[in-house]
C-alpha atoms as a PDB file:
ATOM      1  CA  MET A   1      99.655 111.256  74.383  1.00  0.00           C
ATOM      2  CA  LYS A   2      96.275 110.921  72.708  1.00  0.00           C
ATOM      3  CA  ASN A   3      94.684 110.510  76.136  1.00  0.00           C
ATOM      4  CA  TYR A   4      96.224 113.832  77.224  1.00  0.00           C
ATOM      5  CA  PHE A   5      94.748 115.552  74.165  1.00  0.00           C
ATOM      6  CA  LYS A   6      91.352 114.078  74.959  1.00  0.00           C
ATOM      7  CA  ILE A   7      91.440 115.148  78.617  1.00  0.00           C
ATOM      8  CA  ILE A   8      92.307 118.762  77.817  1.00  0.00           C
ATOM      9  CA  ALA A   9      89.798 118.985  74.985  1.00  0.00           C
ATOM     10  CA  ILE A  10      86.968 117.729  77.198  1.00  0.00           C
ATOM     11  CA  LEU A  11      87.897 120.085  80.043  1.00  0.00           C
ATOM     12  CA  LEU A  12      87.997 123.225  77.954  1.00  0.00           C
ATOM     13  CA  PHE A  13      85.024 122.266  75.802  1.00  0.00           C
ATOM     14  CA  ALA A  14      82.900 121.969  78.944  1.00  0.00           C
ATOM     15  CA  PHE A  15      83.982 125.438  80.065  1.00  0.00           C
ATOM     16  CA  ILE A  16      82.777 126.965  76.790  1.00  0.00           C
ATOM     17  CA  PHE A  17      79.161 126.219  77.587  1.00  0.00           C
ATOM     18  CA  SER A  18      79.353 127.039  81.279  1.00  0.00           C
ATOM     19  CA  LYS A  19      81.184 130.365  81.049  1.00  0.00           C
ATOM     20  CA  CYS A  20      81.199 131.916  77.586  1.00  0.00           C
ATOM     21  CA  THR A  21      78.499 134.380  76.597  1.00  0.00           C
ATOM     22  CA  SER A  22      77.299 135.718  73.286  1.00  0.00           C
ATOM     23  CA  ASP A  23      78.796 139.096  74.226  1.00  0.00           C
ATOM     24  CA  ALA A  24      82.356 137.751  74.447  1.00  0.00           C
ATOM     25  CA  VAL A  25      84.832 139.559  72.217  1.00  0.00           C
ATOM     26  CA  ILE A  26      86.891 136.991  70.355  1.00  0.00           C
ATOM     27  CA  PRO A  27      90.393 138.182  69.413  1.00  0.00           C
ATOM     28  CA  ASP A  28      92.044 137.276  66.145  1.00  0.00           C
ATOM     29  CA  ALA A  29      95.644 136.200  65.606  1.00  0.00           C
ATOM     30  CA  LYS A  30      96.755 139.738  64.794  1.00  0.00           C
ATOM     31  CA  GLU A  31      95.383 141.110  68.066  1.00  0.00           C
ATOM     32  CA  LEU A  32      97.331 138.414  69.917  1.00  0.00           C
ATOM     33  CA  GLY A  33     100.520 139.373  68.129  1.00  0.00           C
ATOM     34  CA  LEU A  34     100.652 135.728  67.093  1.00  0.00           C
ATOM     35  CA  GLU A  35     103.747 135.070  64.996  1.00  0.00           C
ATOM     36  CA  GLN A  36     103.762 131.273  64.776  1.00  0.00           C
ATOM     37  CA  GLN A  37     101.133 128.623  65.475  1.00  0.00           C
ATOM     38  CA  ASP A  38     101.416 124.977  64.530  1.00  0.00           C
ATOM     39  CA  SER A  39     101.317 121.574  66.200  1.00  0.00           C
ATOM     40  CA  ASN A  40     104.717 122.151  67.818  1.00  0.00           C
ATOM     41  CA  SER A  41     104.715 125.843  68.713  1.00  0.00           C
ATOM     42  CA  PHE A  42     102.703 128.886  69.751  1.00  0.00           C
ATOM     43  CA  ILE A  43     104.730 132.119  69.676  1.00  0.00           C
ATOM     44  CA  GLY A  44     103.905 135.804  69.740  1.00  0.00           C
ATOM     45  CA  LYS A  45     104.505 139.304  71.054  1.00  0.00           C
ATOM     46  CA  ILE A  46     101.963 141.752  72.462  1.00  0.00           C
ATOM     47  CA  ARG A  47     101.638 144.904  74.561  1.00  0.00           C
ATOM     48  CA  ILE A  48      99.133 144.740  77.434  1.00  0.00           C
ATOM     49  CA  GLN A  49      98.606 147.409  80.097  1.00  0.00           C
ATOM     50  CA  ASN A  50     101.902 149.084  79.147  1.00  0.00           C
ATOM     51  CA  SER A  51     103.793 145.803  79.481  1.00  0.00           C
ATOM     52  CA  GLU A  52     105.693 144.292  76.564  1.00  0.00           C
ATOM     53  CA  ILE A  53     105.191 140.527  76.592  1.00  0.00           C
ATOM     54  CA  ARG A  54     106.833 137.863  74.469  1.00  0.00           C
ATOM     55  CA  TYR A  55     105.401 134.376  74.837  1.00  0.00           C
ATOM     56  CA  SER A  56     106.630 131.104  73.427  1.00  0.00           C
ATOM     57  CA  VAL A  57     106.017 127.396  73.810  1.00  0.00           C
ATOM     58  CA  LYS A  58     107.803 124.794  71.721  1.00  0.00           C
ATOM     59  CA  ALA A  59     107.540 121.013  71.692  1.00  0.00           C
ATOM     60  CA  LYS A  60     110.984 119.445  71.984  1.00  0.00           C
ATOM     61  CA  SER A  61     109.437 115.999  71.617  1.00  0.00           C
ATOM     62  CA  GLU A  62     105.990 114.467  71.996  1.00  0.00           C
ATOM     63  CA  LEU A  63     105.872 114.939  75.779  1.00  0.00           C
ATOM     64  CA  VAL A  64     108.571 117.552  76.439  1.00  0.00           C
ATOM     65  CA  PHE A  65     107.961 121.294  76.106  1.00  0.00           C
ATOM     66  CA  THR A  66     109.772 124.570  76.708  1.00  0.00           C
ATOM     67  CA  VAL A  67     107.838 127.669  77.760  1.00  0.00           C
ATOM     68  CA  ILE A  68     109.364 131.153  77.845  1.00  0.00           C
ATOM     69  CA  ILE A  69     107.644 134.327  79.001  1.00  0.00           C
ATOM     70  CA  GLU A  70     109.442 137.645  78.767  1.00  0.00           C
ATOM     71  CA  ILE A  71     107.733 140.704  80.225  1.00  0.00           C
ATOM     72  CA  ASN A  72     109.422 144.100  80.285  1.00  0.00           C
ATOM     73  CA  LYS A  73     112.756 142.357  79.629  1.00  0.00           C
ATOM     74  CA  LYS A  74     112.271 139.980  82.574  1.00  0.00           C
ATOM     75  CA  SER A  75     112.499 136.398  81.368  1.00  0.00           C
ATOM     76  CA  ILE A  76     111.387 133.133  82.938  1.00  0.00           C
ATOM     77  CA  GLN A  77     111.664 129.693  81.343  1.00  0.00           C
ATOM     78  CA  ALA A  78     110.353 126.237  82.133  1.00  0.00           C
ATOM     79  CA  ASP A  79     111.103 122.822  80.658  1.00  0.00           C
ATOM     80  CA  ILE A  80     108.175 120.467  81.225  1.00  0.00           C
ATOM     81  CA  ASN A  81     108.400 116.701  80.807  1.00  0.00           C
ATOM     82  CA  TYR A  82     105.022 114.974  80.974  1.00  0.00           C
ATOM     83  CA  GLN A  83     106.618 111.560  80.553  1.00  0.00           C
ATOM     84  CA  ASN A  84     108.356 111.580  83.945  1.00  0.00           C
ATOM     85  CA  GLU A  85     106.388 114.552  85.338  1.00  0.00           C
ATOM     86  CA  SER A  86     109.396 116.754  85.945  1.00  0.00           C
ATOM     87  CA  LEU A  87     109.659 120.517  85.740  1.00  0.00           C
ATOM     88  CA  PHE A  88     112.759 122.699  85.474  1.00  0.00           C
ATOM     89  CA  ILE A  89     112.271 126.431  86.057  1.00  0.00           C
ATOM     90  CA  ASP A  90     114.887 129.108  85.500  1.00  0.00           C
ATOM     91  CA  GLY A  91     113.519 132.422  86.699  1.00  0.00           C
ATOM     92  CA  HIS A  92     116.823 134.308  86.423  1.00  0.00           C
ATOM     93  CA  ASN A  93     116.071 135.698  89.909  1.00  0.00           C
ATOM     94  CA  ILE A  94     113.299 137.931  88.594  1.00  0.00           C
ATOM     95  CA  ILE A  95     110.489 139.412  90.678  1.00  0.00           C
ATOM     96  CA  LEU A  96     107.227 140.171  88.879  1.00  0.00           C
ATOM     97  CA  THR A  97     105.218 143.203  89.944  1.00  0.00           C
ATOM     98  CA  GLU A  98     101.515 142.757  90.636  1.00  0.00           C
ATOM     99  CA  LYS A  99     100.765 144.767  87.492  1.00  0.00           C
ATOM    100  CA  GLU A 100     102.970 142.482  85.403  1.00  0.00           C
ATOM    101  CA  LYS A 101     101.245 139.410  86.833  1.00  0.00           C
ATOM    102  CA  GLN A 102      97.860 140.878  85.946  1.00  0.00           C
ATOM    103  CA  SER A 103      99.077 141.515  82.398  1.00  0.00           C
ATOM    104  CA  ILE A 104     100.100 137.858  82.097  1.00  0.00           C
ATOM    105  CA  LEU A 105      96.695 136.726  83.384  1.00  0.00           C
ATOM    106  CA  THR A 106      94.962 139.034  80.915  1.00  0.00           C
ATOM    107  CA  LEU A 107      97.025 137.602  78.076  1.00  0.00           C
ATOM    108  CA  GLY A 108      96.193 134.070  79.191  1.00  0.00           C
ATOM    109  CA  GLY A 109      92.484 134.864  79.074  1.00  0.00           C
ATOM    110  CA  THR A 110      92.823 136.429  75.632  1.00  0.00           C
ATOM    111  CA  ILE A 111      94.711 133.424  74.265  1.00  0.00           C
ATOM    112  CA  SER A 112      92.099 131.090  75.753  1.00  0.00           C
ATOM    113  CA  ASN A 113      89.230 132.971  74.115  1.00  0.00           C
ATOM    114  CA  TYR A 114      91.055 132.770  70.804  1.00  0.00           C
ATOM    115  CA  LEU A 115      91.651 129.018  71.134  1.00  0.00           C
ATOM    116  CA  LEU A 116      88.134 128.260  72.324  1.00  0.00           C
ATOM    117  CA  GLU A 117      86.645 130.089  69.354  1.00  0.00           C
ATOM    118  CA  THR A 118      89.008 128.888  66.642  1.00  0.00           C
ATOM    119  CA  LYS A 119      89.510 125.314  67.856  1.00  0.00           C
ATOM    120  CA  LYS A 120      86.312 124.680  69.838  1.00  0.00           C
ATOM    121  CA  GLY A 121      88.283 123.698  72.917  1.00  0.00           C
ATOM    122  CA  GLU A 122      90.371 120.981  71.284  1.00  0.00           C
ATOM    123  CA  ILE A 123      93.686 122.591  72.103  1.00  0.00           C
ATOM    124  CA  LEU A 124      97.095 120.977  71.792  1.00  0.00           C
ATOM    125  CA  MET A 125      99.426 120.123  74.649  1.00  0.00           C
ATOM    126  CA  THR A 126     101.678 122.988  73.557  1.00  0.00           C
ATOM    127  CA  GLU A 127      98.863 125.476  74.122  1.00  0.00           C
ATOM    128  CA  TYR A 128      97.667 123.871  77.352  1.00  0.00           C
ATOM    129  CA  THR A 129     101.213 123.911  78.741  1.00  0.00           C
ATOM    130  CA  LEU A 130     101.624 127.605  77.916  1.00  0.00           C
ATOM    131  CA  LEU A 131      98.340 128.541  79.615  1.00  0.00           C
ATOM    132  CA  SER A 132      99.098 126.468  82.717  1.00  0.00           C
ATOM    133  CA  LEU A 133     102.526 128.015  83.231  1.00  0.00           C
ATOM    134  CA  MET A 134     101.189 131.522  82.618  1.00  0.00           C
ATOM    135  CA  GLU A 135      98.689 131.170  85.455  1.00  0.00           C
ATOM    136  CA  TYR A 136     101.255 129.502  87.701  1.00  0.00           C
ATOM    137  CA  TRP A 137     103.744 132.336  87.267  1.00  0.00           C
ATOM    138  CA  ALA A 138     101.092 135.046  87.480  1.00  0.00           C
ATOM    139  CA  LYS A 139      99.774 133.632  90.768  1.00  0.00           C
ATOM    140  CA  SER A 140     103.087 133.812  92.623  1.00  0.00           C
ATOM    141  CA  PRO A 141     102.971 135.622  95.989  1.00  0.00           C
ATOM    142  CA  PRO A 142     104.104 139.259  96.283  1.00  0.00           C
ATOM    143  CA  ASP A 143     107.870 139.777  96.015  1.00  0.00           C
ATOM    144  CA  TYR A 144     108.466 136.132  95.098  1.00  0.00           C
ATOM    145  CA  THR A 145     111.888 135.574  93.520  1.00  0.00           C
ATOM    146  CA  TYR A 146     112.051 132.949  90.791  1.00  0.00           C
ATOM    147  CA  THR A 147     115.337 131.077  90.961  1.00  0.00           C
ATOM    148  CA  LYS A 148     116.452 127.830  89.329  1.00  0.00           C
ATOM    149  CA  ARG A 149     114.398 124.885  90.534  1.00  0.00           C
ATOM    150  CA  VAL A 150     113.969 121.253  89.578  1.00  0.00           C
ATOM    151  CA  ILE A 151     110.650 119.658  90.557  1.00  0.00           C
ATOM    152  CA  GLU A 152     109.918 115.971  90.175  1.00  0.00           C
ATOM    153  CA  ALA A 153     106.367 114.834  90.831  1.00  0.00           C
ATOM    154  CA  GLU A 154     105.909 111.920  93.176  1.00  0.00           C
ATOM    155  CA  VAL A 155     103.108 109.391  93.232  1.00  0.00           C
ATOM    156  CA  ASN A 156     101.299 109.088  96.547  1.00  0.00           C
ATOM    157  CA  THR A 157     100.289 105.500  97.273  1.00  0.00           C
ATOM    158  CA  THR A 158      99.273 105.961 100.908  1.00  0.00           C
ATOM    159  CA  ASN A 159      96.459 108.537 100.522  1.00  0.00           C
ATOM    160  CA  LEU A 160      96.537 111.748 102.563  1.00  0.00           C
ATOM    161  CA  LYS A 161      99.168 110.508 104.981  1.00  0.00           C
ATOM    162  CA  SER A 162     101.342 113.539 105.786  1.00  0.00           C
ATOM    163  CA  ARG A 163     103.309 116.534 104.513  1.00  0.00           C
ATOM    164  CA  ASN A 164     104.291 116.664 100.808  1.00  0.00           C
ATOM    165  CA  GLU A 165     102.159 113.779  99.622  1.00  0.00           C
ATOM    166  CA  GLY A 166     103.331 113.960  96.026  1.00  0.00           C
ATOM    167  CA  ILE A 167     100.160 114.574  94.014  1.00  0.00           C
ATOM    168  CA  THR A 168      97.064 113.573  95.989  1.00  0.00           C
ATOM    169  CA  CYS A 169      93.648 114.456  94.583  1.00  0.00           C
ATOM    170  CA  ILE A 170      90.968 115.867  96.867  1.00  0.00           C
ATOM    171  CA  ARG A 171      87.270 116.487  96.198  1.00  0.00           C
ATOM    172  CA  LYS A 172      85.260 119.648  96.701  1.00  0.00           C
ATOM    173  CA  ASN A 173      82.850 119.650  99.669  1.00  0.00           C
ATOM    174  CA  THR A 174      84.769 116.902 101.470  1.00  0.00           C
ATOM    175  CA  TYR A 175      86.711 117.499 104.697  1.00  0.00           C
ATOM    176  CA  VAL A 176      90.490 117.022 104.637  1.00  0.00           C
ATOM    177  CA  ASN A 177      93.193 117.737 107.228  1.00  0.00           C
ATOM    178  CA  ALA A 178      95.466 120.555 106.042  1.00  0.00           C
ATOM    179  CA  GLU A 179      98.909 119.856 107.503  1.00  0.00           C
ATOM    180  CA  TYR A 180     101.654 122.467 107.695  1.00  0.00           C
ATOM    181  CA  ASP A 181     104.355 123.859 109.925  1.00  0.00           C
ATOM    182  CA  ASP A 182     105.254 127.415 110.874  1.00  0.00           C
ATOM    183  CA  SER A 183     107.231 129.265 113.522  1.00  0.00           C
ATOM    184  CA  ARG A 184     104.799 127.967 116.159  1.00  0.00           C
ATOM    185  CA  GLY A 185     105.186 124.285 115.278  1.00  0.00           C
ATOM    186  CA  ASN A 186     103.234 121.624 113.376  1.00  0.00           C
ATOM    187  CA  HIS A 187      99.508 121.935 112.680  1.00  0.00           C
ATOM    188  CA  SER A 188      96.611 119.895 111.318  1.00  0.00           C
ATOM    189  CA  ASP A 189      93.368 121.779 110.583  1.00  0.00           C
ATOM    190  CA  ARG A 190      90.151 120.191 109.322  1.00  0.00           C
ATOM    191  CA  ILE A 191      89.107 122.104 106.172  1.00  0.00           C
ATOM    192  CA  ARG A 192      86.182 121.757 103.767  1.00  0.00           C
ATOM    193  CA  VAL A 193      87.636 121.617 100.264  1.00  0.00           C
ATOM    194  CA  GLY A 194      86.335 124.471  98.119  1.00  0.00           C
ATOM    195  CA  SER A 195      85.267 126.624 101.071  1.00  0.00           C
ATOM    196  CA  LYS A 196      86.074 130.325 101.472  1.00  0.00           C
ATOM    197  CA  ALA A 197      88.225 131.128 104.494  1.00  0.00           C
ATOM    198  CA  ARG A 198      88.157 134.911 103.923  1.00  0.00           C
ATOM    199  CA  ASP A 199      88.570 137.453 101.125  1.00  0.00           C
ATOM    200  CA  ASN A 200      91.031 136.195  98.483  1.00  0.00           C
ATOM    201  CA  TYR A 201      90.960 132.753 100.084  1.00  0.00           C
ATOM    202  CA  GLY A 202      88.077 131.110  98.265  1.00  0.00           C
ATOM    203  CA  CYS A 203      88.252 127.636  96.742  1.00  0.00           C
ATOM    204  CA  MET A 204      90.498 126.214  99.473  1.00  0.00           C
ATOM    205  CA  GLY A 205      92.535 123.374  97.976  1.00  0.00           C
ATOM    206  CA  ARG A 206      92.574 124.695  94.412  1.00  0.00           C
ATOM    207  CA  CYS A 207      96.061 125.003  92.949  1.00  0.00           C
ATOM    208  CA  GLY A 208      95.982 128.720  92.225  1.00  0.00           C
ATOM    209  CA  GLY A 209      95.098 131.977  93.919  1.00  0.00           C
ATOM    210  CA  ASP A 210      91.513 132.282  95.192  1.00  0.00           C
ATOM    211  CA  CYS A 211      89.020 130.774  92.713  1.00  0.00           C
ATOM    212  CA  GLY A 212      91.074 131.642  89.646  1.00  0.00           C
ATOM    213  CA  ARG A 213      89.880 132.043  86.087  1.00  0.00           C
ATOM    214  CA  TRP A 214      87.389 129.880  84.226  1.00  0.00           C
ATOM    215  CA  TRP A 215      89.709 129.385  81.268  1.00  0.00           C
ATOM    216  CA  ILE A 216      92.314 127.375  83.159  1.00  0.00           C
ATOM    217  CA  PRO A 217      91.395 123.819  84.212  1.00  0.00           C
ATOM    218  CA  SER A 218      92.197 123.620  87.925  1.00  0.00           C
ATOM    219  CA  ALA A 219      93.811 120.909  90.013  1.00  0.00           C
ATOM    220  CA  TRP A 220      92.545 120.295  93.549  1.00  0.00           C
ATOM    221  CA  THR A 221      95.176 118.600  95.705  1.00  0.00           C
ATOM    222  CA  LYS A 222      96.289 117.991  99.274  1.00  0.00           C
ATOM    223  CA  ASP A 223      99.558 119.938  98.945  1.00  0.00           C
ATOM    224  CA  CYS A 224      97.680 122.956  97.594  1.00  0.00           C
ATOM    225  CA  LEU A 225      95.254 122.749 100.524  1.00  0.00           C
ATOM    226  CA  ASP A 226      98.187 122.593 102.960  1.00  0.00           C
ATOM    227  CA  HIS A 227      99.657 125.770 101.490  1.00  0.00           C
ATOM    228  CA  ASP A 228      96.297 127.557 101.313  1.00  0.00           C
ATOM    229  CA  GLN A 229      95.616 126.975 104.996  1.00  0.00           C
ATOM    230  CA  CYS A 230      99.163 127.815 106.090  1.00  0.00           C
ATOM    231  CA  SER A 231      99.019 131.052 104.122  1.00  0.00           C
ATOM    232  CA  ASN A 232      95.530 131.822 105.425  1.00  0.00           C
ATOM    233  CA  VAL A 233      96.532 131.370 109.062  1.00  0.00           C
ATOM    234  CA  ASN A 234      99.863 133.179 108.799  1.00  0.00           C
ATOM    235  CA  PHE A 235      98.871 135.874 106.275  1.00  0.00           C
ATOM    236  CA  SER A 236     102.057 134.845 104.463  1.00  0.00           C
ATOM    237  CA  SER A 237     103.136 136.522 101.245  1.00  0.00           C
ATOM    238  CA  GLY A 238     106.697 135.459 100.578  1.00  0.00           C
ATOM    239  CA  GLY A 239     106.121 132.324  98.516  1.00  0.00           C
ATOM    240  CA  GLY A 240     109.007 129.882  98.683  1.00  0.00           C
ATOM    241  CA  SER A 241     111.064 132.294 100.795  1.00  0.00           C
ATOM    242  CA  ASP A 242     108.385 132.787 103.454  1.00  0.00           C
ATOM    243  CA  ARG A 243     109.647 131.485 106.809  1.00  0.00           C
ATOM    244  CA  ASN A 244     106.245 130.056 107.699  1.00  0.00           C
ATOM    245  CA  CYS A 245     104.787 128.674 104.472  1.00  0.00           C
ATOM    246  CA  GLY A 246     107.616 128.668 101.940  1.00  0.00           C
ATOM    247  CA  ASP A 247     108.095 124.904 102.018  1.00  0.00           C
ATOM    248  CA  GLU A 248     104.365 124.320 101.478  1.00  0.00           C
ATOM    249  CA  PHE A 249     104.427 126.630  98.443  1.00  0.00           C
ATOM    250  CA  ASN A 250     107.356 124.744  96.918  1.00  0.00           C
ATOM    251  CA  GLU A 251     105.817 121.338  97.668  1.00  0.00           C
ATOM    252  CA  ALA A 252     102.689 122.297  95.704  1.00  0.00           C
ATOM    253  CA  ALA A 253     104.537 123.057  92.445  1.00  0.00           C
ATOM    254  CA  ASP A 254     104.144 119.605  90.866  1.00  0.00           C
ATOM    255  CA  ASP A 255     100.466 119.518  91.893  1.00  0.00           C
ATOM    256  CA  TYR A 256      99.892 122.827  90.124  1.00  0.00           C
ATOM    257  CA  VAL A 257     101.417 121.768  86.810  1.00  0.00           C
ATOM    258  CA  PHE A 258     100.576 118.053  86.604  1.00  0.00           C
ATOM    259  CA  GLY A 259      97.539 117.738  88.878  1.00  0.00           C
ATOM    260  CA  VAL A 260      94.895 118.172  86.175  1.00  0.00           C
ATOM    261  CA  LEU A 261      96.393 115.425  84.028  1.00  0.00           C
ATOM    262  CA  ARG A 262      96.444 113.165  87.082  1.00  0.00           C
ATOM    263  CA  GLY A 263      92.675 113.629  87.252  1.00  0.00           C
ATOM    264  CA  CYS A 264      92.644 115.987  90.267  1.00  0.00           C
ATOM    265  CA  ARG A 265      89.777 118.127  88.988  1.00  0.00           C
ATOM    266  CA  GLY A 266      87.835 118.395  92.230  1.00  0.00           C
END
């Protein structure tokens, strides 16, 4: 557990110097609507861009956490177990609008600024888990329906072998075969990790939309590259329900949540 704390602290501390400026406006706890903050919880309520958001993360044990985001009475919950790298999501069949997703991203950035200023980047696993899930949910494709899902991360011991490799780290500026299937069959395309395929498709292989936000440490993995390229080629937008790239989107879930702690930082 102490190693996890150290990893996250180093990651975010490095971002302070590379991205923050003297003009940054640092929010206080009241502006965040922060109601409870301690070693086991981070809870609050805020209104952003006409959206009412309740956010909560609680530690159930040293390596098990529950995150709940409620926006405009739409609720989504995740139970995260870092011990066995499993993730249970109950989305109650909600669909987030693009405006609601942007509000969640804005809140994530505001919370990050607050933590970076008040804790100098040495955030707790509760806070890291909340921020990671907020970006994950906010980056879902248009019209994506969140249902109940259980995801268990797998360890890849064969290195870039095929589809759904578990969590396989890849490095920026290296060439990797993106493998996916669609209505036309199976494909393998040679892609430079971190390249920009077209607008909104920068940082190929990063687990997250485009190049994301500086305040979230990013994982770079083979499954995320597979989905990026499938989506790029097919202009897909249906997430897990998309007939071309839905399976690639689902296969990348464990990479997105656990990839950074596996060391997949590009």
